[in-house]
């Protein structure tokens, strides 16, 4: 399957990414760009976006980028640095890039941005299974 087909198949079954309001902007082998708008129901008690929101879009970008090669991949280690706060109405993007691809592991960074401003940096490692993506998987 082509990277775009894999990501759209994954997204169609991903109720959480859909709930977030994520839009898939770009997909290629080892890459993915997503976007979404911060909503009121995503804010914490300080009136800013809960940290889990930027983590969630980054995690989705990691999943889509790492599965784009056609082998099913699962995250095994992730971390995030929150740099700037976000408010209701802010449009953000998550750009996942592959740093290294090995037989069993993949290493990725995801930059979460509001316009040209980096608001968070995410790092993820995935385990690459032997299972291939197919129309029926």
C-alpha atoms as a PDB file:
ATOM      1  CA  UNK A   1       0.000   0.000   0.000  1.00  0.00           C
ATOM      2  CA  UNK A   2       1.086   3.561  -0.676  1.00  0.00           C
ATOM      3  CA  UNK A   3       1.861   5.821   2.324  1.00  0.00           C
ATOM      4  CA  UNK A   4      -1.258   7.927   1.726  1.00  0.00           C
ATOM      5  CA  UNK A   5      -3.477   4.819   1.619  1.00  0.00           C
ATOM      6  CA  UNK A   6      -2.013   3.493   4.871  1.00  0.00           C
ATOM      7  CA  UNK A   7      -2.472   6.792   6.707  1.00  0.00           C
ATOM      8  CA  UNK A   8      -6.036   7.250   5.495  1.00  0.00           C
ATOM      9  CA  UNK A   9      -6.868   3.682   6.504  1.00  0.00           C
ATOM     10  CA  UNK A  10      -5.396   4.313   9.953  1.00  0.00           C
ATOM     11  CA  UNK A  11      -7.154   7.683  10.277  1.00  0.00           C
ATOM     12  CA  UNK A  12     -10.533   6.253   9.260  1.00  0.00           C
ATOM     13  CA  UNK A  13     -10.300   3.887  12.279  1.00  0.00           C
ATOM     14  CA  UNK A  14      -8.839   6.489  14.676  1.00  0.00           C
ATOM     15  CA  UNK A  15     -11.771   7.986  16.582  1.00  0.00           C
ATOM     16  CA  UNK A  16      -9.457   9.976  18.884  1.00  0.00           C
ATOM     17  CA  UNK A  17      -7.615  11.771  16.061  1.00  0.00           C
ATOM     18  CA  UNK A  18     -10.985  12.490  14.473  1.00  0.00           C
ATOM     19  CA  UNK A  19     -12.304  13.863  17.791  1.00  0.00           C
ATOM     20  CA  UNK A  20      -9.264  16.149  17.972  1.00  0.00           C
ATOM     21  CA  UNK A  21     -10.256  17.573  14.577  1.00  0.00           C
ATOM     22  CA  UNK A  22      -6.972  16.595  12.957  1.00  0.00           C
ATOM     23  CA  UNK A  23      -6.528  17.151   9.232  1.00  0.00           C
ATOM     24  CA  UNK A  24      -3.885  15.200   7.308  1.00  0.00           C
ATOM     25  CA  UNK A  25      -1.905  17.771   5.310  1.00  0.00           C
ATOM     26  CA  UNK A  26       1.003  15.731   3.931  1.00  0.00           C
ATOM     27  CA  UNK A  27       2.160  12.118   3.894  1.00  0.00           C
ATOM     28  CA  UNK A  28       5.264  10.520   2.393  1.00  0.00           C
ATOM     29  CA  UNK A  29       7.513   7.658   3.464  1.00  0.00           C
ATOM     30  CA  UNK A  30       8.791   8.571   6.910  1.00  0.00           C
ATOM     31  CA  UNK A  31       6.979  11.931   6.980  1.00  0.00           C
ATOM     32  CA  UNK A  32       3.633  13.302   8.010  1.00  0.00           C
ATOM     33  CA  UNK A  33       2.169  16.756   8.614  1.00  0.00           C
ATOM     34  CA  UNK A  34      -1.074  17.191  10.537  1.00  0.00           C
ATOM     35  CA  UNK A  35      -3.022  20.279  11.587  1.00  0.00           C
ATOM     36  CA  UNK A  36      -5.803  21.106  14.042  1.00  0.00           C
ATOM     37  CA  UNK A  37      -7.408  24.023  15.887  1.00  0.00           C
ATOM     38  CA  UNK A  38      -7.404  24.281  19.686  1.00  0.00           C
ATOM     39  CA  UNK A  39     -10.990  24.170  21.022  1.00  0.00           C
ATOM     40  CA  UNK A  40     -12.441  25.324  24.347  1.00  0.00           C
ATOM     41  CA  UNK A  41     -12.933  21.709  25.503  1.00  0.00           C
ATOM     42  CA  UNK A  42      -9.150  21.191  25.140  1.00  0.00           C
ATOM     43  CA  UNK A  43      -8.239  23.848  27.715  1.00  0.00           C
ATOM     44  CA  UNK A  44      -7.051  23.186  31.253  1.00  0.00           C
ATOM     45  CA  UNK A  45      -7.856  25.146  34.431  1.00  0.00           C
ATOM     46  CA  UNK A  46      -5.424  27.889  33.412  1.00  0.00           C
ATOM     47  CA  UNK A  47      -7.330  28.555  30.173  1.00  0.00           C
ATOM     48  CA  UNK A  48      -4.529  27.176  28.011  1.00  0.00           C
ATOM     49  CA  UNK A  49      -4.356  23.969  25.988  1.00  0.00           C
ATOM     50  CA  UNK A  50      -3.809  20.884  28.111  1.00  0.00           C
ATOM     51  CA  UNK A  51      -0.355  19.399  27.476  1.00  0.00           C
ATOM     52  CA  UNK A  52      -1.994  16.182  26.324  1.00  0.00           C
ATOM     53  CA  UNK A  53      -3.341  17.978  23.256  1.00  0.00           C
ATOM     54  CA  UNK A  54       0.051  18.735  21.705  1.00  0.00           C
ATOM     55  CA  UNK A  55       1.221  15.299  22.827  1.00  0.00           C
ATOM     56  CA  UNK A  56      -1.768  13.690  21.098  1.00  0.00           C
ATOM     57  CA  UNK A  57      -1.294  15.385  17.709  1.00  0.00           C
ATOM     58  CA  UNK A  58       2.432  14.574  17.851  1.00  0.00           C
ATOM     59  CA  UNK A  59       1.690  10.950  18.718  1.00  0.00           C
ATOM     60  CA  UNK A  60      -0.682  10.693  15.749  1.00  0.00           C
ATOM     61  CA  UNK A  61       1.924  12.247  13.432  1.00  0.00           C
ATOM     62  CA  UNK A  62       4.491   9.731  14.722  1.00  0.00           C
ATOM     63  CA  UNK A  63       2.110   6.826  14.127  1.00  0.00           C
ATOM     64  CA  UNK A  64       1.287   7.899  10.593  1.00  0.00           C
ATOM     65  CA  UNK A  65       4.901   8.660   9.613  1.00  0.00           C
ATOM     66  CA  UNK A  66       6.278   5.435  11.067  1.00  0.00           C
ATOM     67  CA  UNK A  67       3.645   3.219   9.432  1.00  0.00           C
ATOM     68  CA  UNK A  68       4.041   4.876   6.020  1.00  0.00           C
ATOM     69  CA  UNK A  69       6.728   2.400   4.937  1.00  0.00           C
ATOM     70  CA  UNK A  70       4.164  -0.403   4.843  1.00  0.00           C
ATOM     71  CA  UNK A  71       5.192  -2.275   8.000  1.00  0.00           C
ATOM     72  CA  UNK A  72       3.017  -1.954  11.082  1.00  0.00           C
ATOM     73  CA  UNK A  73       4.836   0.063  13.738  1.00  0.00           C
ATOM     74  CA  UNK A  74       4.033   0.859  17.381  1.00  0.00           C
ATOM     75  CA  UNK A  75       5.555   3.479  19.648  1.00  0.00           C
ATOM     76  CA  UNK A  76       7.723   2.163  22.466  1.00  0.00           C
ATOM     77  CA  UNK A  77       9.208   5.391  23.824  1.00  0.00           C
ATOM     78  CA  UNK A  78       8.093   9.010  23.509  1.00  0.00           C
ATOM     79  CA  UNK A  79       8.773  12.335  25.195  1.00  0.00           C
ATOM     80  CA  UNK A  80       7.719  15.929  24.730  1.00  0.00           C
ATOM     81  CA  UNK A  81       9.008  19.376  25.648  1.00  0.00           C
ATOM     82  CA  UNK A  82       6.342  22.089  25.949  1.00  0.00           C
ATOM     83  CA  UNK A  83       7.821  25.438  24.928  1.00  0.00           C
ATOM     84  CA  UNK A  84       4.896  27.842  24.426  1.00  0.00           C
ATOM     85  CA  UNK A  85       1.300  27.800  25.642  1.00  0.00           C
ATOM     86  CA  UNK A  86      -1.688  27.616  23.303  1.00  0.00           C
ATOM     87  CA  UNK A  87      -5.106  29.227  23.530  1.00  0.00           C
ATOM     88  CA  UNK A  88      -8.540  28.522  22.098  1.00  0.00           C
ATOM     89  CA  UNK A  89      -8.607  29.166  18.361  1.00  0.00           C
ATOM     90  CA  UNK A  90      -4.888  28.604  17.790  1.00  0.00           C
ATOM     91  CA  UNK A  91      -4.159  26.607  14.629  1.00  0.00           C
ATOM     92  CA  UNK A  92      -1.257  24.225  15.109  1.00  0.00           C
ATOM     93  CA  UNK A  93       0.632  21.807  12.896  1.00  0.00           C
ATOM     94  CA  UNK A  94       2.692  18.732  13.738  1.00  0.00           C
ATOM     95  CA  UNK A  95       5.511  17.855  11.355  1.00  0.00           C
ATOM     96  CA  UNK A  96       6.937  14.360  11.829  1.00  0.00           C
ATOM     97  CA  UNK A  97      10.313  13.526  10.318  1.00  0.00           C
ATOM     98  CA  UNK A  98      12.226  10.294  10.320  1.00  0.00           C
ATOM     99  CA  UNK A  99      15.698  10.582  11.822  1.00  0.00           C
ATOM    100  CA  UNK A 100      16.770   6.951  11.376  1.00  0.00           C
ATOM    101  CA  UNK A 101      15.114   3.771  10.136  1.00  0.00           C
ATOM    102  CA  UNK A 102      16.442   0.365  11.153  1.00  0.00           C
ATOM    103  CA  UNK A 103      15.054  -3.118  10.594  1.00  0.00           C
ATOM    104  CA  UNK A 104      13.193  -3.296  13.929  1.00  0.00           C
ATOM    105  CA  UNK A 105      13.215   0.332  15.098  1.00  0.00           C
ATOM    106  CA  UNK A 106      12.483   3.801  13.781  1.00  0.00           C
ATOM    107  CA  UNK A 107      13.470   7.123  15.333  1.00  0.00           C
ATOM    108  CA  UNK A 108      11.415  10.278  14.774  1.00  0.00           C
ATOM    109  CA  UNK A 109      11.080  13.897  15.818  1.00  0.00           C
ATOM    110  CA  UNK A 110       7.862  15.892  15.631  1.00  0.00           C
ATOM    111  CA  UNK A 111       7.842  19.661  15.730  1.00  0.00           C
ATOM    112  CA  UNK A 112       4.551  21.238  16.807  1.00  0.00           C
ATOM    113  CA  UNK A 113       4.172  24.772  15.530  1.00  0.00           C
ATOM    114  CA  UNK A 114       1.746  27.698  15.640  1.00  0.00           C
ATOM    115  CA  UNK A 115       2.609  29.512  12.438  1.00  0.00           C
ATOM    116  CA  UNK A 116       6.381  29.919  12.525  1.00  0.00           C
ATOM    117  CA  UNK A 117       6.614  29.518  16.307  1.00  0.00           C
ATOM    118  CA  UNK A 118       7.676  26.161  17.732  1.00  0.00           C
ATOM    119  CA  UNK A 119       5.364  25.367  20.655  1.00  0.00           C
ATOM    120  CA  UNK A 120       6.523  21.818  21.447  1.00  0.00           C
ATOM    121  CA  UNK A 121       9.159  19.260  20.466  1.00  0.00           C
ATOM    122  CA  UNK A 122       8.359  15.541  20.546  1.00  0.00           C
ATOM    123  CA  UNK A 123      10.684  12.577  20.159  1.00  0.00           C
ATOM    124  CA  UNK A 124       9.537   9.039  19.473  1.00  0.00           C
ATOM    125  CA  UNK A 125      10.920   5.559  18.943  1.00  0.00           C
ATOM    126  CA  UNK A 126       8.829   2.859  17.295  1.00  0.00           C
ATOM    127  CA  UNK A 127       9.065  -0.900  17.045  1.00  0.00           C
ATOM    128  CA  UNK A 128       8.616  -2.088  13.447  1.00  0.00           C
ATOM    129  CA  UNK A 129       6.779  -5.412  13.349  1.00  0.00           C
ATOM    130  CA  UNK A 130       7.000  -7.894  10.503  1.00  0.00           C
ATOM    131  CA  UNK A 131       3.299  -7.365   9.710  1.00  0.00           C
ATOM    132  CA  UNK A 132       2.683  -5.562   6.432  1.00  0.00           C
ATOM    133  CA  UNK A 133      -0.171  -3.153   5.839  1.00  0.00           C
ATOM    134  CA  UNK A 134      -2.675  -4.644   3.415  1.00  0.00           C
ATOM    135  CA  UNK A 135      -6.171  -3.748   2.317  1.00  0.00           C
ATOM    136  CA  UNK A 136      -7.509  -6.240   4.893  1.00  0.00           C
ATOM    137  CA  UNK A 137      -5.154  -5.383   7.823  1.00  0.00           C
END
